[in-house]
Amino acid sequence: MNTGVKHQKKWTIAAGIAQVIVILAMVRCIGECFRLNYTNEISPGFSELKPFLIGAMACGISVMVMLTLSFFNQRKSILAAAVLTIAVLVYIKSAYL
């Protein structure tokens, strides 16, 4: 195998893993809303759910951007978008919680 092909395959695998991680983060944010709903005796208000909904929205937008970038074979940009998404999620967590 050519080294260029091996290098390209590694970037493809890394980009796929990054997409899966961001999708799992989105599922986690949405699942947290349901967890709060079923574990509290009183139904949580919008102010309690707001950071999780913002996080899910950020992940959803990021997944769409990453999907678009994958059509153009921009694997490094997909990884950058995934890192940026995780940074945004950490910022949202520190700002709201």
N, C-alpha and C. Protein backbone atom coordinates (compact mmCIF):
# COMPACT_ATOMS: atom_id res chain seq x y z
N MET A 1 0.83 -1.18 0.00
CA MET A 1 0.00 0.00 0.00
C MET A 1 0.88 1.24 0.00
N ASN A 2 0.46 2.24 -0.72
CA ASN A 2 1.18 3.50 -0.77
C ASN A 2 1.02 4.23 0.56
N THR A 3 2.05 4.96 0.99
CA THR A 3 1.96 5.67 2.26
C THR A 3 0.92 6.77 2.22
N GLY A 4 0.71 7.36 1.04
CA GLY A 4 -0.33 8.38 0.91
C GLY A 4 -1.72 7.82 1.13
N VAL A 5 -1.94 6.60 0.65
CA VAL A 5 -3.23 5.95 0.83
C VAL A 5 -3.44 5.60 2.30
N LYS A 6 -2.39 5.12 2.97
CA LYS A 6 -2.50 4.80 4.40
C LYS A 6 -2.81 6.06 5.20
N HIS A 7 -2.14 7.16 4.84
CA HIS A 7 -2.35 8.42 5.55
C HIS A 7 -3.78 8.91 5.35
N GLN A 8 -4.28 8.79 4.12
CA GLN A 8 -5.64 9.22 3.82
C GLN A 8 -6.65 8.35 4.57
N LYS A 9 -6.37 7.05 4.67
CA LYS A 9 -7.28 6.15 5.37
C LYS A 9 -7.34 6.48 6.87
N LYS A 10 -6.19 6.85 7.46
CA LYS A 10 -6.18 7.24 8.87
C LYS A 10 -7.03 8.48 9.10
N TRP A 11 -6.94 9.46 8.20
CA TRP A 11 -7.75 10.67 8.34
C TRP A 11 -9.23 10.35 8.19
N THR A 12 -9.55 9.42 7.30
CA THR A 12 -10.94 9.04 7.10
C THR A 12 -11.50 8.38 8.36
N ILE A 13 -10.74 7.49 8.96
CA ILE A 13 -11.18 6.83 10.19
C ILE A 13 -11.32 7.83 11.32
N ALA A 14 -10.36 8.75 11.45
CA ALA A 14 -10.42 9.76 12.50
C ALA A 14 -11.64 10.67 12.32
N ALA A 15 -11.95 11.04 11.08
CA ALA A 15 -13.11 11.89 10.83
C ALA A 15 -14.41 11.15 11.16
N GLY A 16 -14.47 9.88 10.85
CA GLY A 16 -15.66 9.09 11.20
C GLY A 16 -15.84 8.96 12.69
N ILE A 17 -14.76 8.74 13.40
CA ILE A 17 -14.83 8.66 14.87
C ILE A 17 -15.27 9.99 15.46
N ALA A 18 -14.77 11.09 14.91
CA ALA A 18 -15.15 12.42 15.39
C ALA A 18 -16.65 12.66 15.19
N GLN A 19 -17.18 12.23 14.07
CA GLN A 19 -18.61 12.38 13.82
C GLN A 19 -19.44 11.57 14.82
N VAL A 20 -19.01 10.36 15.10
CA VAL A 20 -19.72 9.52 16.05
C VAL A 20 -19.69 10.14 17.45
N ILE A 21 -18.55 10.70 17.83
CA ILE A 21 -18.43 11.32 19.15
C ILE A 21 -19.39 12.49 19.29
N VAL A 22 -19.49 13.32 18.26
CA VAL A 22 -20.39 14.48 18.33
C VAL A 22 -21.85 14.03 18.34
N ILE A 23 -22.18 12.99 17.58
CA ILE A 23 -23.55 12.47 17.61
C ILE A 23 -23.88 11.92 18.99
N LEU A 24 -22.94 11.22 19.62
CA LEU A 24 -23.16 10.71 20.98
C LEU A 24 -23.31 11.86 21.98
N ALA A 25 -22.57 12.93 21.79
CA ALA A 25 -22.72 14.09 22.67
C ALA A 25 -24.10 14.71 22.51
N MET A 26 -24.62 14.73 21.29
CA MET A 26 -25.97 15.27 21.07
C MET A 26 -27.02 14.38 21.75
N VAL A 27 -26.87 13.07 21.62
CA VAL A 27 -27.80 12.15 22.27
C VAL A 27 -27.73 12.31 23.78
N ARG A 28 -26.54 12.52 24.30
CA ARG A 28 -26.36 12.72 25.75
C ARG A 28 -27.07 13.98 26.22
N CYS A 29 -26.95 15.07 25.45
CA CYS A 29 -27.62 16.32 25.82
C CYS A 29 -29.13 16.16 25.81
N ILE A 30 -29.65 15.49 24.80
CA ILE A 30 -31.10 15.28 24.73
C ILE A 30 -31.55 14.33 25.83
N GLY A 31 -30.78 13.30 26.09
CA GLY A 31 -31.12 12.35 27.15
C GLY A 31 -31.11 12.97 28.53
N GLU A 32 -30.26 13.96 28.72
CA GLU A 32 -30.19 14.64 30.02
C GLU A 32 -31.50 15.37 30.32
N CYS A 33 -32.15 15.90 29.30
CA CYS A 33 -33.45 16.55 29.49
C CYS A 33 -34.48 15.55 30.00
N PHE A 34 -34.50 14.36 29.41
CA PHE A 34 -35.43 13.32 29.86
C PHE A 34 -35.08 12.83 31.27
N ARG A 35 -33.79 12.74 31.57
CA ARG A 35 -33.38 12.30 32.90
C ARG A 35 -33.86 13.30 33.95
N LEU A 36 -33.71 14.58 33.67
CA LEU A 36 -34.18 15.60 34.62
C LEU A 36 -35.69 15.53 34.78
N ASN A 37 -36.39 15.22 33.72
CA ASN A 37 -37.84 15.16 33.77
C ASN A 37 -38.32 14.00 34.64
N TYR A 38 -37.64 12.86 34.57
CA TYR A 38 -38.11 11.68 35.29
C TYR A 38 -37.52 11.53 36.69
N THR A 39 -36.42 12.20 36.99
CA THR A 39 -35.84 12.06 38.32
C THR A 39 -36.33 13.11 39.30
N ASN A 40 -36.80 14.24 38.80
CA ASN A 40 -37.32 15.28 39.69
C ASN A 40 -38.80 15.05 39.95
N GLU A 41 -39.23 15.41 41.16
CA GLU A 41 -40.64 15.30 41.48
C GLU A 41 -41.44 16.37 40.74
N ILE A 42 -40.82 17.54 40.59
CA ILE A 42 -41.46 18.64 39.87
C ILE A 42 -40.84 18.70 38.48
N SER A 43 -41.67 18.91 37.49
CA SER A 43 -41.19 18.97 36.11
C SER A 43 -40.23 20.16 35.96
N PRO A 44 -39.05 19.95 35.37
CA PRO A 44 -38.09 21.04 35.25
C PRO A 44 -38.57 22.12 34.29
N GLY A 45 -38.21 23.35 34.61
CA GLY A 45 -38.59 24.47 33.75
C GLY A 45 -37.59 24.67 32.63
N PHE A 46 -37.91 25.65 31.80
CA PHE A 46 -37.04 25.92 30.66
C PHE A 46 -35.66 26.36 31.10
N SER A 47 -35.57 27.09 32.20
CA SER A 47 -34.27 27.59 32.66
C SER A 47 -33.34 26.44 33.07
N GLU A 48 -33.91 25.35 33.57
CA GLU A 48 -33.10 24.19 33.94
C GLU A 48 -32.70 23.36 32.72
N LEU A 49 -33.53 23.36 31.70
CA LEU A 49 -33.25 22.58 30.50
C LEU A 49 -32.46 23.36 29.45
N LYS A 50 -32.39 24.67 29.61
CA LYS A 50 -31.79 25.53 28.60
C LYS A 50 -30.37 25.13 28.21
N PRO A 51 -29.44 24.89 29.15
CA PRO A 51 -28.08 24.54 28.72
C PRO A 51 -28.01 23.23 27.93
N PHE A 52 -28.86 22.28 28.26
CA PHE A 52 -28.85 21.00 27.54
C PHE A 52 -29.44 21.16 26.15
N LEU A 53 -30.46 21.99 26.02
CA LEU A 53 -31.05 22.24 24.71
C LEU A 53 -30.09 23.03 23.81
N ILE A 54 -29.39 23.98 24.38
CA ILE A 54 -28.39 24.74 23.62
C ILE A 54 -27.26 23.81 23.17
N GLY A 55 -26.84 22.93 24.07
CA GLY A 55 -25.79 21.97 23.72
C GLY A 55 -26.23 21.02 22.62
N ALA A 56 -27.48 20.56 22.69
CA ALA A 56 -27.99 19.66 21.65
C ALA A 56 -28.09 20.39 20.32
N MET A 57 -28.48 21.66 20.36
CA MET A 57 -28.56 22.44 19.13
C MET A 57 -27.17 22.66 18.53
N ALA A 58 -26.20 22.94 19.38
CA ALA A 58 -24.82 23.12 18.90
C ALA A 58 -24.30 21.83 18.27
N CYS A 59 -24.59 20.71 18.89
CA CYS A 59 -24.16 19.42 18.33
C CYS A 59 -24.87 19.13 17.01
N GLY A 60 -26.16 19.43 16.94
CA GLY A 60 -26.91 19.20 15.71
C GLY A 60 -26.38 20.02 14.55
N ILE A 61 -26.08 21.29 14.81
CA ILE A 61 -25.51 22.14 13.77
C ILE A 61 -24.14 21.62 13.36
N SER A 62 -23.37 21.20 14.33
CA SER A 62 -22.03 20.68 14.04
C SER A 62 -22.10 19.41 13.21
N VAL A 63 -23.05 18.54 13.51
CA VAL A 63 -23.20 17.30 12.73
C VAL A 63 -23.55 17.63 11.28
N MET A 64 -24.42 18.63 11.07
CA MET A 64 -24.76 19.00 9.70
C MET A 64 -23.55 19.58 8.97
N VAL A 65 -22.76 20.40 9.66
CA VAL A 65 -21.56 20.95 9.05
C VAL A 65 -20.57 19.84 8.73
N MET A 66 -20.39 18.91 9.66
CA MET A 66 -19.45 17.81 9.44
C MET A 66 -19.91 16.91 8.31
N LEU A 67 -21.21 16.69 8.18
CA LEU A 67 -21.73 15.89 7.08
C LEU A 67 -21.47 16.58 5.74
N THR A 68 -21.68 17.88 5.71
CA THR A 68 -21.41 18.64 4.48
C THR A 68 -19.93 18.59 4.14
N LEU A 69 -19.07 18.73 5.13
CA LEU A 69 -17.63 18.66 4.89
C LEU A 69 -17.20 17.28 4.41
N SER A 70 -17.90 16.24 4.89
CA SER A 70 -17.52 14.89 4.45
C SER A 70 -17.82 14.66 2.98
N PHE A 71 -18.83 15.36 2.44
CA PHE A 71 -19.13 15.24 1.01
C PHE A 71 -18.01 15.84 0.16
N PHE A 72 -17.29 16.81 0.74
CA PHE A 72 -16.19 17.46 0.02
C PHE A 72 -14.82 16.90 0.42
N ASN A 73 -14.81 15.79 1.16
CA ASN A 73 -13.58 15.12 1.60
C ASN A 73 -12.66 16.04 2.39
N GLN A 74 -13.22 16.87 3.23
CA GLN A 74 -12.45 17.78 4.07
C GLN A 74 -12.30 17.16 5.47
N ARG A 75 -11.47 16.14 5.55
CA ARG A 75 -11.36 15.37 6.79
C ARG A 75 -10.75 16.17 7.93
N LYS A 76 -9.75 16.97 7.64
CA LYS A 76 -9.13 17.77 8.70
C LYS A 76 -10.11 18.83 9.22
N SER A 77 -10.94 19.34 8.34
CA SER A 77 -11.95 20.32 8.76
C SER A 77 -13.01 19.65 9.64
N ILE A 78 -13.30 18.38 9.37
CA ILE A 78 -14.25 17.65 10.20
C ILE A 78 -13.70 17.51 11.62
N LEU A 79 -12.43 17.19 11.72
CA LEU A 79 -11.81 17.07 13.05
C LEU A 79 -11.79 18.42 13.76
N ALA A 80 -11.52 19.48 13.03
CA ALA A 80 -11.52 20.82 13.64
C ALA A 80 -12.92 21.19 14.12
N ALA A 81 -13.95 20.84 13.34
CA ALA A 81 -15.32 21.11 13.76
C ALA A 81 -15.69 20.32 15.01
N ALA A 82 -15.22 19.09 15.11
CA ALA A 82 -15.50 18.27 16.28
C ALA A 82 -14.84 18.86 17.53
N VAL A 83 -13.59 19.29 17.39
CA VAL A 83 -12.89 19.90 18.53
C VAL A 83 -13.58 21.19 18.94
N LEU A 84 -13.99 21.99 17.95
CA LEU A 84 -14.70 23.23 18.25
C LEU A 84 -16.03 22.96 18.95
N THR A 85 -16.72 21.92 18.54
CA THR A 85 -17.99 21.57 19.18
C THR A 85 -17.78 21.18 20.63
N ILE A 86 -16.77 20.38 20.90
CA ILE A 86 -16.50 19.98 22.29
C ILE A 86 -16.12 21.21 23.12
N ALA A 87 -15.36 22.13 22.53
CA ALA A 87 -15.00 23.36 23.25
C ALA A 87 -16.25 24.20 23.55
N VAL A 88 -17.18 24.26 22.61
CA VAL A 88 -18.43 25.00 22.83
C VAL A 88 -19.25 24.33 23.93
N LEU A 89 -19.29 23.01 23.94
CA LEU A 89 -20.03 22.31 24.99
C LEU A 89 -19.42 22.55 26.37
N VAL A 90 -18.10 22.57 26.44
CA VAL A 90 -17.45 22.86 27.73
C VAL A 90 -17.74 24.30 28.17
N TYR A 91 -17.75 25.23 27.21
CA TYR A 91 -18.08 26.61 27.55
C TYR A 91 -19.51 26.74 28.04
N ILE A 92 -20.44 26.07 27.37
CA ILE A 92 -21.85 26.11 27.79
C ILE A 92 -22.00 25.54 29.19
N LYS A 93 -21.29 24.46 29.47
CA LYS A 93 -21.36 23.86 30.80
C LYS A 93 -20.83 24.81 31.86
N SER A 94 -19.70 25.47 31.57
CA SER A 94 -19.13 26.38 32.56
C SER A 94 -19.96 27.65 32.71
N ALA A 95 -20.66 28.06 31.66
CA ALA A 95 -21.45 29.28 31.73
C ALA A 95 -22.78 29.08 32.47
N TYR A 96 -23.39 27.92 32.33
CA TYR A 96 -24.72 27.69 32.88
C TYR A 96 -24.74 26.88 34.17
N LEU A 97 -23.76 25.99 34.35
CA LEU A 97 -23.85 25.10 35.51
C LEU A 97 -22.87 25.47 36.59
